[in-house]
């Protein structure tokens, strides 16, 4: 009887060992899957960080380009104002001088009178504005509204 009990006990221990072995195998497989998931996540993180770095470089270049273009625009606007003042002075001189009226045709005098009577910039506005860009309307996001605060870029990374 004791031998039979030992065999029965041995059978149940054997089944317990098989169950434990299956649990270990399931745990090992789960660990392998988690390790693979972790590897894929690290690879994806590396790709995303590289993409972020590339986008930061593009953003920096875009900001620099905007600054350059704004400086060019301001210089061009200052030059335009300077030329407008010169032209206004020439028009006023022509309108005041008696010889100027004699040398010019009646039509030319009327055009000069009209230009001299109005603000020159407003008179030339249709000429100097591009038809492709309508700058007469106020934009919701004009260049003066753009903030170039770089404090957002200084995010502490852990």
N, C-alpha and C. Protein backbone atom coordinates (compact mmCIF):
# COMPACT_ATOMS: atom_id res chain seq x y z
N UNK A 1 0.81 -1.19 0.00
CA UNK A 1 0.00 0.00 0.00
C UNK A 1 0.85 1.25 0.00
N UNK A 2 1.91 1.23 0.78
CA UNK A 2 2.77 2.40 0.81
C UNK A 2 3.41 2.64 -0.55
N UNK A 3 3.76 1.63 -1.23
CA UNK A 3 4.34 1.77 -2.58
C UNK A 3 3.33 2.36 -3.53
N UNK A 4 2.08 1.90 -3.40
CA UNK A 4 1.03 2.43 -4.25
C UNK A 4 0.78 3.91 -3.94
N UNK A 5 0.79 4.22 -2.66
CA UNK A 5 0.62 5.63 -2.27
C UNK A 5 1.79 6.46 -2.78
N UNK A 6 2.96 5.89 -2.71
CA UNK A 6 4.15 6.59 -3.19
C UNK A 6 4.04 6.83 -4.69
N UNK A 7 3.54 5.82 -5.40
CA UNK A 7 3.36 6.00 -6.85
C UNK A 7 2.29 7.06 -7.12
N UNK A 8 1.20 7.00 -6.32
CA UNK A 8 0.16 8.01 -6.49
C UNK A 8 0.70 9.38 -6.11
N UNK A 9 1.44 9.45 -5.05
CA UNK A 9 2.05 10.71 -4.63
C UNK A 9 3.03 11.16 -5.68
N UNK A 10 3.79 10.21 -6.20
CA UNK A 10 4.76 10.55 -7.25
C UNK A 10 4.05 11.04 -8.49
N UNK A 11 2.90 10.47 -8.78
CA UNK A 11 2.14 10.92 -9.94
C UNK A 11 1.64 12.34 -9.76
N UNK A 12 1.18 12.66 -8.57
CA UNK A 12 0.67 14.00 -8.35
C UNK A 12 1.81 15.01 -8.29
N UNK A 13 2.96 14.62 -7.77
CA UNK A 13 4.13 15.50 -7.76
C UNK A 13 4.60 15.74 -9.19
N UNK A 14 4.55 14.67 -9.96
CA UNK A 14 4.96 14.80 -11.37
C UNK A 14 4.03 15.77 -12.09
N UNK A 15 2.74 15.66 -11.85
CA UNK A 15 1.79 16.59 -12.46
C UNK A 15 2.04 18.02 -11.98
N UNK A 16 2.36 18.17 -10.71
CA UNK A 16 2.68 19.50 -10.16
C UNK A 16 3.92 20.07 -10.84
N UNK A 17 4.93 19.22 -11.02
CA UNK A 17 6.15 19.67 -11.72
C UNK A 17 5.84 20.07 -13.15
N UNK A 18 4.98 19.33 -13.81
CA UNK A 18 4.60 19.65 -15.18
C UNK A 18 3.86 20.99 -15.20
N UNK A 19 2.94 21.21 -14.26
CA UNK A 19 2.23 22.48 -14.19
C UNK A 19 3.20 23.63 -13.92
N UNK A 20 4.12 23.40 -13.01
CA UNK A 20 5.12 24.44 -12.69
C UNK A 20 5.98 24.72 -13.92
N UNK A 21 6.38 23.65 -14.63
CA UNK A 21 7.20 23.83 -15.83
C UNK A 21 6.43 24.62 -16.89
N UNK A 22 5.14 24.32 -17.04
CA UNK A 22 4.32 25.06 -18.01
C UNK A 22 4.19 26.53 -17.60
N UNK A 23 4.03 26.78 -16.30
CA UNK A 23 3.96 28.17 -15.83
C UNK A 23 5.27 28.90 -16.09
N UNK A 24 6.40 28.21 -15.82
CA UNK A 24 7.69 28.81 -16.11
C UNK A 24 7.84 29.11 -17.59
N UNK A 25 7.41 28.19 -18.43
CA UNK A 25 7.50 28.39 -19.89
C UNK A 25 6.62 29.56 -20.32
N UNK A 26 5.41 29.63 -19.78
CA UNK A 26 4.51 30.74 -20.12
C UNK A 26 5.13 32.07 -19.66
N UNK A 27 5.71 32.06 -18.47
CA UNK A 27 6.36 33.27 -17.95
C UNK A 27 7.57 33.64 -18.81
N UNK A 28 8.36 32.66 -19.21
CA UNK A 28 9.52 32.92 -20.07
C UNK A 28 9.08 33.53 -21.40
N UNK A 29 8.01 32.96 -21.99
CA UNK A 29 7.51 33.48 -23.27
C UNK A 29 6.99 34.92 -23.10
N UNK A 30 6.30 35.14 -21.99
CA UNK A 30 5.80 36.50 -21.74
C UNK A 30 6.98 37.47 -21.58
N UNK A 31 8.02 37.05 -20.87
CA UNK A 31 9.21 37.90 -20.72
C UNK A 31 9.86 38.19 -22.07
N UNK A 32 9.92 37.17 -22.92
CA UNK A 32 10.48 37.37 -24.27
C UNK A 32 9.67 38.38 -25.05
N UNK A 33 8.34 38.26 -24.98
CA UNK A 33 7.46 39.21 -25.69
C UNK A 33 7.66 40.63 -25.15
N UNK A 34 7.73 40.75 -23.82
CA UNK A 34 7.92 42.07 -23.21
C UNK A 34 9.28 42.66 -23.60
N UNK A 35 10.29 41.82 -23.67
CA UNK A 35 11.62 42.28 -24.08
C UNK A 35 11.59 42.79 -25.52
N UNK A 36 10.90 42.04 -26.39
CA UNK A 36 10.76 42.47 -27.79
C UNK A 36 9.97 43.78 -27.87
N UNK A 37 8.90 43.88 -27.09
CA UNK A 37 8.11 45.12 -27.06
C UNK A 37 8.96 46.29 -26.60
N UNK A 38 9.76 46.05 -25.56
CA UNK A 38 10.66 47.10 -25.05
C UNK A 38 11.68 47.52 -26.10
N UNK A 39 12.23 46.56 -26.84
CA UNK A 39 13.20 46.85 -27.89
C UNK A 39 12.55 47.70 -28.98
N UNK A 40 11.32 47.28 -29.40
CA UNK A 40 10.61 48.05 -30.43
C UNK A 40 10.29 49.46 -29.94
N UNK A 41 9.91 49.58 -28.68
CA UNK A 41 9.60 50.89 -28.11
C UNK A 41 10.84 51.78 -28.08
N UNK A 42 12.00 51.22 -27.72
CA UNK A 42 13.24 52.00 -27.71
C UNK A 42 13.62 52.43 -29.11
N UNK A 43 13.44 51.54 -30.11
CA UNK A 43 13.73 51.89 -31.50
C UNK A 43 12.80 53.00 -31.98
N UNK A 44 11.52 52.87 -31.63
CA UNK A 44 10.56 53.91 -32.03
C UNK A 44 10.90 55.24 -31.35
N UNK A 45 11.27 55.18 -30.08
CA UNK A 45 11.67 56.38 -29.36
C UNK A 45 12.87 57.04 -30.04
N UNK A 46 13.85 56.24 -30.43
CA UNK A 46 15.04 56.79 -31.10
C UNK A 46 14.64 57.46 -32.42
N UNK A 47 13.73 56.82 -33.19
CA UNK A 47 13.28 57.43 -34.45
C UNK A 47 12.54 58.74 -34.21
N UNK A 48 11.67 58.75 -33.21
CA UNK A 48 10.90 59.95 -32.91
C UNK A 48 11.81 61.07 -32.42
N UNK A 49 12.80 60.73 -31.60
CA UNK A 49 13.74 61.76 -31.12
C UNK A 49 14.57 62.32 -32.27
N UNK A 50 14.96 61.47 -33.22
CA UNK A 50 15.70 61.94 -34.38
C UNK A 50 14.82 62.86 -35.23
N UNK A 51 13.57 62.48 -35.39
CA UNK A 51 12.63 63.31 -36.16
C UNK A 51 12.40 64.66 -35.46
N UNK A 52 12.26 64.62 -34.15
CA UNK A 52 12.09 65.85 -33.38
C UNK A 52 13.29 66.76 -33.52
N UNK A 53 14.48 66.18 -33.46
CA UNK A 53 15.70 66.98 -33.61
C UNK A 53 15.75 67.61 -35.00
N UNK A 54 15.37 66.84 -36.03
CA UNK A 54 15.36 67.38 -37.39
C UNK A 54 14.34 68.51 -37.51
N UNK A 55 13.18 68.34 -36.87
CA UNK A 55 12.16 69.39 -36.92
C UNK A 55 12.61 70.64 -36.16
N UNK A 56 13.34 70.45 -35.07
CA UNK A 56 13.87 71.60 -34.34
C UNK A 56 14.86 72.38 -35.19
N UNK A 57 15.68 71.67 -35.95
CA UNK A 57 16.63 72.33 -36.85
C UNK A 57 15.86 73.11 -37.92
N UNK A 58 14.82 72.48 -38.48
CA UNK A 58 14.01 73.17 -39.50
C UNK A 58 13.34 74.41 -38.91
N UNK A 59 12.84 74.29 -37.68
CA UNK A 59 12.20 75.42 -37.02
C UNK A 59 13.20 76.56 -36.82
N UNK A 60 14.40 76.21 -36.40
CA UNK A 60 15.43 77.24 -36.19
C UNK A 60 15.75 77.94 -37.51
N UNK A 61 15.88 77.16 -38.59
CA UNK A 61 16.16 77.76 -39.90
C UNK A 61 14.99 78.63 -40.34
N UNK A 62 13.77 78.17 -40.11
CA UNK A 62 12.59 78.95 -40.51
C UNK A 62 12.53 80.26 -39.73
N UNK A 63 12.82 80.21 -38.44
CA UNK A 63 12.82 81.45 -37.64
C UNK A 63 13.88 82.42 -38.15
N UNK A 64 15.05 81.89 -38.43
CA UNK A 64 16.11 82.75 -38.95
C UNK A 64 15.71 83.36 -40.29
N UNK A 65 15.09 82.56 -41.15
CA UNK A 65 14.66 83.05 -42.46
C UNK A 65 13.60 84.13 -42.31
N UNK A 66 12.67 83.94 -41.37
CA UNK A 66 11.64 84.96 -41.13
C UNK A 66 12.29 86.26 -40.67
N UNK A 67 13.25 86.15 -39.76
CA UNK A 67 13.95 87.34 -39.29
C UNK A 67 14.66 88.05 -40.44
N UNK A 68 15.33 87.30 -41.30
CA UNK A 68 16.03 87.89 -42.44
C UNK A 68 15.03 88.58 -43.37
N UNK A 69 13.93 87.90 -43.65
CA UNK A 69 12.92 88.47 -44.56
C UNK A 69 12.28 89.72 -43.96
N UNK A 70 12.06 89.71 -42.64
CA UNK A 70 11.49 90.90 -42.00
C UNK A 70 12.45 92.07 -42.08
N UNK A 71 13.74 91.81 -41.89
CA UNK A 71 14.73 92.88 -42.00
C UNK A 71 14.76 93.43 -43.42
N UNK A 72 14.71 92.52 -44.42
CA UNK A 72 14.69 92.96 -45.81
C UNK A 72 13.46 93.81 -46.08
N UNK A 73 12.31 93.36 -45.58
CA UNK A 73 11.07 94.11 -45.80
C UNK A 73 11.16 95.49 -45.18
N UNK A 74 11.67 95.59 -43.96
CA UNK A 74 11.78 96.89 -43.29
C UNK A 74 12.72 97.80 -44.06
N UNK A 75 13.83 97.25 -44.56
CA UNK A 75 14.75 98.07 -45.35
C UNK A 75 14.07 98.54 -46.63
N UNK A 76 13.33 97.63 -47.28
CA UNK A 76 12.65 97.99 -48.52
C UNK A 76 11.57 99.04 -48.26
N UNK A 77 10.83 98.90 -47.17
CA UNK A 77 9.81 99.89 -46.84
C UNK A 77 10.44 101.25 -46.53
N UNK A 78 11.57 101.24 -45.83
CA UNK A 78 12.26 102.51 -45.54
C UNK A 78 12.75 103.15 -46.84
N UNK A 79 13.29 102.35 -47.73
CA UNK A 79 13.75 102.88 -49.03
C UNK A 79 12.58 103.42 -49.84
N UNK A 80 11.45 102.72 -49.80
CA UNK A 80 10.26 103.18 -50.52
C UNK A 80 9.79 104.52 -49.97
N UNK A 81 9.75 104.66 -48.66
CA UNK A 81 9.35 105.93 -48.06
C UNK A 81 10.31 107.05 -48.45
N UNK A 82 11.58 106.73 -48.47
CA UNK A 82 12.60 107.72 -48.87
C UNK A 82 12.37 108.17 -50.32
N UNK A 83 12.13 107.21 -51.20
CA UNK A 83 11.89 107.54 -52.59
C UNK A 83 10.58 108.31 -52.77
N UNK A 84 9.56 107.95 -51.99
CA UNK A 84 8.29 108.68 -52.05
C UNK A 84 8.48 110.13 -51.63
N UNK A 85 9.27 110.36 -50.58
CA UNK A 85 9.54 111.74 -50.14
C UNK A 85 10.26 112.51 -51.24
N UNK A 86 11.24 111.87 -51.87
CA UNK A 86 11.96 112.53 -52.96
C UNK A 86 11.01 112.89 -54.10
N UNK A 87 10.17 111.95 -54.48
CA UNK A 87 9.22 112.18 -55.57
C UNK A 87 8.23 113.28 -55.20
N UNK A 88 7.80 113.30 -53.94
CA UNK A 88 6.88 114.34 -53.48
C UNK A 88 7.55 115.71 -53.59
N UNK A 89 8.81 115.77 -53.19
CA UNK A 89 9.54 117.04 -53.30
C UNK A 89 9.67 117.48 -54.75
N UNK A 90 9.97 116.54 -55.64
CA UNK A 90 10.08 116.87 -57.07
C UNK A 90 8.74 117.37 -57.60
N UNK A 91 7.67 116.69 -57.22
CA UNK A 91 6.34 117.12 -57.67
C UNK A 91 6.01 118.53 -57.16
N UNK A 92 6.29 118.77 -55.88
CA UNK A 92 6.03 120.10 -55.32
C UNK A 92 6.86 121.16 -56.03
N UNK A 93 8.11 120.84 -56.33
CA UNK A 93 8.98 121.78 -57.03
C UNK A 93 8.44 122.08 -58.43
N UNK A 94 8.04 121.03 -59.12
CA UNK A 94 7.49 121.23 -60.47
C UNK A 94 6.21 122.06 -60.43
N UNK A 95 5.40 121.85 -59.43
CA UNK A 95 4.13 122.58 -59.34
C UNK A 95 4.35 124.04 -58.96
N UNK A 96 5.41 124.33 -58.20
CA UNK A 96 5.68 125.71 -57.76
C UNK A 96 6.40 126.53 -58.83
N UNK A 97 7.24 125.90 -59.59
CA UNK A 97 8.06 126.63 -60.57
C UNK A 97 7.22 127.04 -61.78
N UNK A 98 7.35 128.29 -62.19
CA UNK A 98 6.60 128.72 -63.37
C UNK A 98 7.11 128.06 -64.65
N UNK A 99 8.40 127.82 -64.73
CA UNK A 99 8.94 127.17 -65.92
C UNK A 99 8.49 125.73 -66.04
N UNK A 100 8.19 125.12 -64.85
CA UNK A 100 7.73 123.74 -64.85
C UNK A 100 6.38 123.62 -65.53
N UNK A 101 5.49 124.55 -65.27
CA UNK A 101 4.16 124.52 -65.88
C UNK A 101 4.24 124.76 -67.39
N UNK A 102 5.19 125.57 -67.82
CA UNK A 102 5.33 125.85 -69.25
C UNK A 102 5.89 124.64 -69.99
N UNK A 103 6.80 123.93 -69.36
CA UNK A 103 7.45 122.80 -70.02
C UNK A 103 6.55 121.57 -70.08
N UNK A 104 5.57 121.51 -69.22
CA UNK A 104 4.71 120.34 -69.16
C UNK A 104 3.42 120.59 -69.92
N UNK A 105 2.87 119.55 -70.45
CA UNK A 105 1.59 119.66 -71.14
C UNK A 105 0.47 119.84 -70.11
N UNK A 106 -0.69 120.24 -70.57
CA UNK A 106 -1.84 120.47 -69.70
C UNK A 106 -2.20 119.17 -68.96
N UNK A 107 -2.17 118.04 -69.70
CA UNK A 107 -2.50 116.75 -69.08
C UNK A 107 -1.49 116.39 -68.00
N UNK A 108 -0.22 116.61 -68.29
CA UNK A 108 0.81 116.32 -67.30
C UNK A 108 0.64 117.19 -66.06
N UNK A 109 0.28 118.46 -66.26
CA UNK A 109 0.08 119.36 -65.12
C UNK A 109 -1.10 118.90 -64.28
N UNK A 110 -2.17 118.44 -64.91
CA UNK A 110 -3.33 117.99 -64.13
C UNK A 110 -3.01 116.72 -63.34
N UNK A 111 -2.24 115.82 -63.95
CA UNK A 111 -1.82 114.61 -63.23
C UNK A 111 -0.94 114.97 -62.06
N UNK A 112 0.01 115.89 -62.27
CA UNK A 112 0.90 116.31 -61.19
C UNK A 112 0.12 117.02 -60.10
N UNK A 113 -0.86 117.83 -60.47
CA UNK A 113 -1.69 118.51 -59.47
C UNK A 113 -2.46 117.51 -58.63
N UNK A 114 -2.99 116.51 -59.31
CA UNK A 114 -3.73 115.49 -58.58
C UNK A 114 -2.81 114.73 -57.63
N UNK A 115 -1.61 114.39 -58.11
CA UNK A 115 -0.65 113.67 -57.25
C UNK A 115 -0.17 114.55 -56.10
N UNK A 116 0.08 115.81 -56.37
CA UNK A 116 0.58 116.71 -55.33
C UNK A 116 -0.50 116.98 -54.30
N UNK A 117 -1.76 116.95 -54.70
CA UNK A 117 -2.85 117.24 -53.79
C UNK A 117 -3.15 116.08 -52.85
N UNK A 118 -2.79 114.88 -53.22
CA UNK A 118 -3.05 113.71 -52.39
C UNK A 118 -1.75 113.20 -51.79
N UNK A 119 -1.90 112.32 -50.82
CA UNK A 119 -0.70 111.65 -50.27
C UNK A 119 -0.14 110.75 -51.35
N UNK A 120 1.12 110.89 -51.64
CA UNK A 120 1.73 110.17 -52.75
C UNK A 120 1.68 108.67 -52.56
N UNK A 121 1.87 108.21 -51.35
CA UNK A 121 1.84 106.77 -51.10
C UNK A 121 0.50 106.17 -51.45
N UNK A 122 -0.58 106.88 -51.15
CA UNK A 122 -1.91 106.37 -51.48
C UNK A 122 -2.13 106.39 -52.99
N UNK A 123 -1.55 107.36 -53.66
CA UNK A 123 -1.70 107.45 -55.12
C UNK A 123 -0.93 106.34 -55.82
N UNK A 124 0.20 105.96 -55.25
CA UNK A 124 1.03 104.92 -55.88
C UNK A 124 0.70 103.52 -55.39
N UNK A 125 -0.15 103.42 -54.39
CA UNK A 125 -0.43 102.11 -53.79
C UNK A 125 -0.86 101.07 -54.80
N UNK A 126 -1.77 101.35 -55.74
CA UNK A 126 -2.14 100.29 -56.69
C UNK A 126 -0.98 99.87 -57.58
N UNK A 127 -0.05 100.77 -57.82
CA UNK A 127 1.08 100.46 -58.68
C UNK A 127 2.07 99.54 -57.99
N UNK A 128 2.38 99.85 -56.71
CA UNK A 128 3.45 99.11 -56.06
C UNK A 128 3.00 97.82 -55.40
N UNK A 129 1.72 97.63 -55.19
CA UNK A 129 1.25 96.41 -54.55
C UNK A 129 1.09 95.31 -55.58
N UNK A 130 1.50 94.14 -55.21
CA UNK A 130 1.36 92.99 -56.09
C UNK A 130 -0.09 92.57 -56.15
N UNK A 131 -0.53 92.19 -57.33
CA UNK A 131 -1.91 91.74 -57.45
C UNK A 131 -2.11 90.37 -56.83
N UNK A 132 -1.03 89.63 -56.63
CA UNK A 132 -1.14 88.28 -56.07
C UNK A 132 -1.36 88.32 -54.56
N UNK A 133 -0.92 89.41 -53.91
CA UNK A 133 -1.04 89.51 -52.46
C UNK A 133 -1.86 90.74 -52.14
N UNK A 134 -2.98 90.55 -51.49
CA UNK A 134 -3.83 91.66 -51.10
C UNK A 134 -3.43 92.10 -49.71
N UNK A 135 -2.68 93.20 -49.62
CA UNK A 135 -2.23 93.68 -48.33
C UNK A 135 -3.12 94.80 -47.80
N UNK A 136 -4.21 95.08 -48.49
CA UNK A 136 -5.08 96.15 -48.03
C UNK A 136 -5.88 95.75 -46.80
N UNK A 137 -6.15 94.46 -46.62
CA UNK A 137 -6.92 93.98 -45.47
C UNK A 137 -5.96 93.64 -44.34
N UNK A 138 -6.43 93.86 -43.14
CA UNK A 138 -5.62 93.48 -41.99
C UNK A 138 -5.70 91.99 -41.80
N UNK A 139 -4.59 91.33 -41.73
CA UNK A 139 -4.55 89.89 -41.49
C UNK A 139 -4.76 89.63 -40.00
N UNK A 140 -5.37 88.50 -39.72
CA UNK A 140 -5.53 88.12 -38.32
C UNK A 140 -4.18 87.82 -37.70
N UNK A 141 -3.23 87.39 -38.51
CA UNK A 141 -1.89 87.07 -38.03
C UNK A 141 -0.89 87.89 -38.83
N UNK A 142 -0.77 89.16 -38.54
CA UNK A 142 0.20 89.97 -39.24
C UNK A 142 1.58 89.66 -38.69
N UNK A 143 2.60 90.11 -39.40
CA UNK A 143 3.98 89.79 -38.96
C UNK A 143 4.28 90.42 -37.61
N UNK A 144 3.58 91.48 -37.24
CA UNK A 144 3.84 92.09 -35.94
C UNK A 144 3.26 91.27 -34.80
N UNK A 145 2.29 90.39 -35.10
CA UNK A 145 1.69 89.56 -34.07
C UNK A 145 2.49 88.30 -33.78
N UNK A 146 3.45 87.98 -34.61
CA UNK A 146 4.20 86.74 -34.45
C UNK A 146 5.20 86.91 -33.32
N UNK A 147 5.16 85.99 -32.40
CA UNK A 147 6.09 86.02 -31.28
C UNK A 147 7.27 85.11 -31.58
N UNK A 148 8.45 85.62 -31.34
CA UNK A 148 9.65 84.82 -31.58
C UNK A 148 10.29 84.45 -30.25
N UNK A 149 9.47 84.32 -29.22
CA UNK A 149 9.95 83.95 -27.91
C UNK A 149 10.47 82.52 -27.96
N UNK A 150 11.71 82.35 -27.59
CA UNK A 150 12.34 81.04 -27.69
C UNK A 150 12.33 80.30 -26.36
N UNK A 151 11.62 80.82 -25.36
CA UNK A 151 11.59 80.15 -24.07
C UNK A 151 10.88 78.81 -24.15
N UNK A 152 9.95 78.65 -25.11
CA UNK A 152 9.27 77.39 -25.25
C UNK A 152 10.22 76.28 -25.71
N UNK A 153 11.30 76.69 -26.36
CA UNK A 153 12.26 75.71 -26.87
C UNK A 153 13.16 75.17 -25.77
N UNK A 154 13.22 75.87 -24.64
CA UNK A 154 14.14 75.48 -23.58
C UNK A 154 13.46 74.53 -22.61
N UNK A 155 12.87 73.49 -23.12
CA UNK A 155 12.18 72.50 -22.29
C UNK A 155 13.22 71.60 -21.64
N UNK A 156 13.09 71.42 -20.35
CA UNK A 156 14.03 70.55 -19.63
C UNK A 156 13.70 69.12 -20.00
N UNK A 157 14.68 68.42 -20.48
CA UNK A 157 14.48 67.01 -20.88
C UNK A 157 15.07 66.12 -19.81
N UNK A 158 14.35 65.09 -19.49
CA UNK A 158 14.85 64.16 -18.47
C UNK A 158 15.28 62.88 -19.10
